[in-house]
């Protein structure tokens, strides 16, 4: 009998701090039983991001795919604190949401962003605790690169499981001028983010 210790997830390589990437998808799913927010929010949003260590790895290196969850509440601060989905949306769009306004994320993917990552000591997975707008990320979004990014938003794990690292799928040989992870078109040099640094805690 041979027994092998197989970790349940692939360890994340992201360090604590802020990392550039893109919001790929927001999906709605049942809130797992036993989660504190289930009573107030029977369903939840799962936010799927792809992240790189820093801009120099875009777009030639496959990113990590990580997710975060929030309740489905979408309300500004009033008697109670603003909902996470509302706060993240205002930060990703860089503006306030007017009363009665709807935000159609399906028209925005992939949405450039910077995610704040935290790590618990001794844990293999990363946690996304905050997001912000990243205007400089739009410079990489060629049509072929968009296609590669959006392909990463499939096959989400079970909601109660820590998010494993996923990398880009293998791509067929590109046509002349086509974008691949290992063959990037000439891009402008990444500009400095207004957040004051990519990997600050």
Protein backbone atom coordinates (compact mmCIF):
# COMPACT_ATOMS: atom_id res chain seq x y z
CA UNK A 1 0.00 0.00 0.00
CA UNK A 2 1.41 3.37 -1.05
CA UNK A 3 -0.13 6.47 0.48
CA UNK A 4 0.67 9.89 -0.90
CA UNK A 5 0.03 13.19 0.82
CA UNK A 6 -1.91 15.17 -1.79
CA UNK A 7 -2.61 18.79 -0.81
CA UNK A 8 -6.25 19.80 -1.42
CA UNK A 9 -5.20 22.95 -3.28
CA UNK A 10 -2.26 24.25 -5.25
CA UNK A 11 -0.48 26.80 -3.03
CA UNK A 12 -0.82 30.40 -4.13
CA UNK A 13 2.37 32.24 -5.04
CA UNK A 14 0.89 35.67 -4.40
CA UNK A 15 2.51 37.64 -1.60
CA UNK A 16 0.59 39.87 0.83
CA UNK A 17 0.01 43.26 -0.73
CA UNK A 18 -1.60 44.70 -3.85
CA UNK A 19 -1.49 42.89 -7.18
CA UNK A 20 -2.70 43.92 -10.66
CA UNK A 21 -5.21 41.90 -12.61
CA UNK A 22 -8.73 41.75 -14.00
CA UNK A 23 -12.20 40.99 -12.74
CA UNK A 24 -13.38 38.17 -15.00
CA UNK A 25 -16.80 37.20 -13.68
CA UNK A 26 -19.32 37.68 -10.90
CA UNK A 27 -21.58 34.66 -10.43
CA UNK A 28 -24.45 34.03 -8.02
CA UNK A 29 -24.64 30.81 -6.05
CA UNK A 30 -26.22 29.47 -2.83
CA UNK A 31 -24.55 30.56 0.38
CA UNK A 32 -23.16 27.40 2.05
CA UNK A 33 -24.94 26.17 5.16
CA UNK A 34 -23.18 27.21 8.32
CA UNK A 35 -21.84 30.48 6.88
CA UNK A 36 -22.77 33.48 9.09
CA UNK A 37 -24.12 35.55 6.20
CA UNK A 38 -26.52 32.81 5.03
CA UNK A 39 -29.32 34.06 7.30
CA UNK A 40 -29.25 37.54 5.75
CA UNK A 41 -28.18 36.47 2.24
CA UNK A 42 -29.31 32.96 1.14
CA UNK A 43 -27.34 33.47 -2.07
CA UNK A 44 -23.95 35.10 -2.56
CA UNK A 45 -21.80 36.60 -5.27
CA UNK A 46 -18.52 34.95 -6.22
CA UNK A 47 -16.04 37.42 -7.72
CA UNK A 48 -13.47 35.78 -10.00
CA UNK A 49 -10.17 37.59 -10.59
CA UNK A 50 -6.93 36.77 -12.39
CA UNK A 51 -3.86 38.28 -10.74
CA UNK A 52 -0.14 38.72 -11.43
CA UNK A 53 2.71 39.51 -9.02
CA UNK A 54 3.27 42.87 -10.75
CA UNK A 55 2.66 44.51 -14.17
CA UNK A 56 5.94 43.26 -15.64
CA UNK A 57 4.43 39.75 -15.87
CA UNK A 58 1.53 40.90 -18.05
CA UNK A 59 0.67 39.55 -20.61
CA UNK A 60 3.45 36.99 -21.16
CA UNK A 61 2.97 35.01 -17.91
CA UNK A 62 -0.17 33.07 -17.02
CA UNK A 63 -1.93 34.58 -13.98
CA UNK A 64 -3.36 33.02 -10.87
CA UNK A 65 -7.13 32.82 -10.71
CA UNK A 66 -8.51 33.69 -7.27
CA UNK A 67 -12.02 34.36 -6.00
CA UNK A 68 -13.70 36.31 -3.24
CA UNK A 69 -17.30 36.23 -2.04
CA UNK A 70 -19.84 38.80 -0.91
CA UNK A 71 -23.52 38.87 -0.06
CA UNK A 72 -25.95 39.84 -2.80
CA UNK A 73 -26.87 43.03 -0.98
CA UNK A 74 -26.12 46.14 -3.04
CA UNK A 75 -26.76 49.18 -0.88
CA UNK A 76 -24.86 52.34 0.16
CA UNK A 77 -24.17 53.37 3.72
CA UNK A 78 -27.27 54.37 5.63
CA UNK A 79 -28.50 52.99 8.92
CA UNK A 80 -26.11 50.12 8.30
CA UNK A 81 -22.68 50.05 6.67
CA UNK A 82 -22.49 49.88 2.89
CA UNK A 83 -22.58 46.39 1.44
CA UNK A 84 -19.34 44.86 0.20
CA UNK A 85 -20.67 44.48 -3.35
CA UNK A 86 -21.63 48.16 -3.40
CA UNK A 87 -18.28 49.34 -2.00
CA UNK A 88 -16.28 47.18 -4.41
CA UNK A 89 -18.33 48.40 -7.36
CA UNK A 90 -17.76 52.06 -6.51
CA UNK A 91 -14.04 51.38 -6.16
CA UNK A 92 -13.81 49.42 -9.41
CA UNK A 93 -15.74 52.07 -11.36
CA UNK A 94 -14.14 55.00 -9.56
CA UNK A 95 -17.44 56.71 -8.88
CA UNK A 96 -20.58 56.61 -6.77
CA UNK A 97 -23.66 54.68 -7.88
CA UNK A 98 -26.76 56.83 -8.36
CA UNK A 99 -29.98 55.81 -6.53
CA UNK A 100 -31.85 53.33 -8.68
CA UNK A 101 -28.89 52.81 -11.04
CA UNK A 102 -28.05 49.30 -12.23
CA UNK A 103 -24.50 48.22 -13.08
CA UNK A 104 -24.21 45.67 -15.90
CA UNK A 105 -20.90 43.92 -15.25
CA UNK A 106 -21.40 41.66 -18.27
CA UNK A 107 -20.47 44.63 -20.46
CA UNK A 108 -17.33 45.40 -18.43
CA UNK A 109 -15.43 42.09 -18.29
CA UNK A 110 -12.49 41.83 -18.15
CA UNK A 111 -12.32 44.83 -15.82
CA UNK A 112 -8.81 46.07 -14.87
CA UNK A 113 -8.29 46.22 -11.13
CA UNK A 114 -5.82 45.99 -8.27
CA UNK A 115 -6.61 43.48 -5.52
CA UNK A 116 -5.31 43.57 -1.97
CA UNK A 117 -4.17 40.09 -0.99
CA UNK A 118 -3.74 38.83 2.55
CA UNK A 119 -2.28 35.52 3.72
CA UNK A 120 -2.94 33.66 6.96
CA UNK A 121 0.23 32.21 8.52
CA UNK A 122 0.61 28.55 7.63
CA UNK A 123 -2.16 28.62 5.00
CA UNK A 124 -1.55 27.91 1.32
CA UNK A 125 -4.33 30.04 -0.09
CA UNK A 126 -4.61 33.78 -0.62
CA UNK A 127 -7.51 36.01 0.44
CA UNK A 128 -8.69 39.02 -1.55
CA UNK A 129 -9.78 41.63 0.98
CA UNK A 130 -10.14 44.77 -1.13
CA UNK A 131 -10.21 45.98 -4.73
CA UNK A 132 -9.63 49.23 -6.57
CA UNK A 133 -9.71 50.63 -10.10
CA UNK A 134 -6.63 50.16 -12.32
CA UNK A 135 -6.91 52.37 -15.37
CA UNK A 136 -3.44 51.45 -16.65
CA UNK A 137 -4.56 47.84 -17.15
CA UNK A 138 -6.63 48.77 -20.20
CA UNK A 139 -3.46 49.05 -22.31
CA UNK A 140 -3.05 45.26 -22.40
CA UNK A 141 -6.61 44.41 -23.47
CA UNK A 142 -6.20 43.36 -27.08
CA UNK A 143 -9.10 41.23 -28.44
CA UNK A 144 -7.02 38.04 -28.25
CA UNK A 145 -5.85 38.78 -24.72
CA UNK A 146 -9.46 39.41 -23.63
CA UNK A 147 -10.41 35.99 -24.98
CA UNK A 148 -7.64 34.29 -23.02
CA UNK A 149 -8.63 36.09 -19.84
CA UNK A 150 -12.33 35.29 -20.04
CA UNK A 151 -11.55 31.60 -20.67
CA UNK A 152 -10.09 31.48 -17.16
CA UNK A 153 -13.45 32.21 -15.54
CA UNK A 154 -14.83 28.69 -16.12
CA UNK A 155 -14.93 25.60 -13.91
CA UNK A 156 -15.26 27.35 -10.55
CA UNK A 157 -14.62 25.21 -7.46
CA UNK A 158 -17.17 24.35 -4.81
CA UNK A 159 -17.99 27.47 -2.74
CA UNK A 160 -16.87 26.01 0.58
CA UNK A 161 -13.45 25.00 -0.75
CA UNK A 162 -10.41 27.32 -0.71
CA UNK A 163 -9.71 28.73 -4.16
CA UNK A 164 -6.98 26.74 -5.95
CA UNK A 165 -4.51 28.37 -8.26
CA UNK A 166 -5.41 28.07 -11.93
CA UNK A 167 -3.25 29.03 -14.85
CA UNK A 168 -4.06 29.78 -18.43
CA UNK A 169 -5.21 26.90 -20.65
CA UNK A 170 -2.92 25.68 -23.38
CA UNK A 171 -3.49 27.62 -26.56
CA UNK A 172 -3.10 26.38 -30.15
CA UNK A 173 -0.42 27.83 -32.33
CA UNK A 174 -1.42 31.46 -32.90
CA UNK A 175 -2.05 33.05 -36.23
CA UNK A 176 0.33 35.85 -37.15
CA UNK A 177 -0.19 38.71 -34.75
CA UNK A 178 -2.35 36.69 -32.36
CA UNK A 179 -1.90 37.10 -28.59
CA UNK A 180 -0.62 34.22 -26.44
CA UNK A 181 0.76 34.03 -22.93
CA UNK A 182 4.25 33.45 -24.26
CA UNK A 183 4.17 35.78 -27.26
CA UNK A 184 3.06 39.26 -26.36
CA UNK A 185 2.65 42.14 -28.76
CA UNK A 186 4.56 45.30 -28.08
CA UNK A 187 2.90 47.12 -25.21
CA UNK A 188 3.45 50.53 -23.63
CA UNK A 189 5.56 50.43 -20.51
CA UNK A 190 3.25 50.04 -17.48
CA UNK A 191 2.71 53.35 -15.77
CA UNK A 192 2.85 53.90 -12.05
CA UNK A 193 -0.43 53.15 -10.29
CA UNK A 194 -2.10 55.87 -8.30
CA UNK A 195 -2.38 53.49 -5.35
CA UNK A 196 1.24 54.24 -4.49
CA UNK A 197 2.82 50.86 -5.16
CA UNK A 198 1.81 47.37 -6.24
CA UNK A 199 3.02 45.34 -3.29
CA UNK A 200 2.36 47.57 -0.36
CA UNK A 201 0.46 45.93 2.47
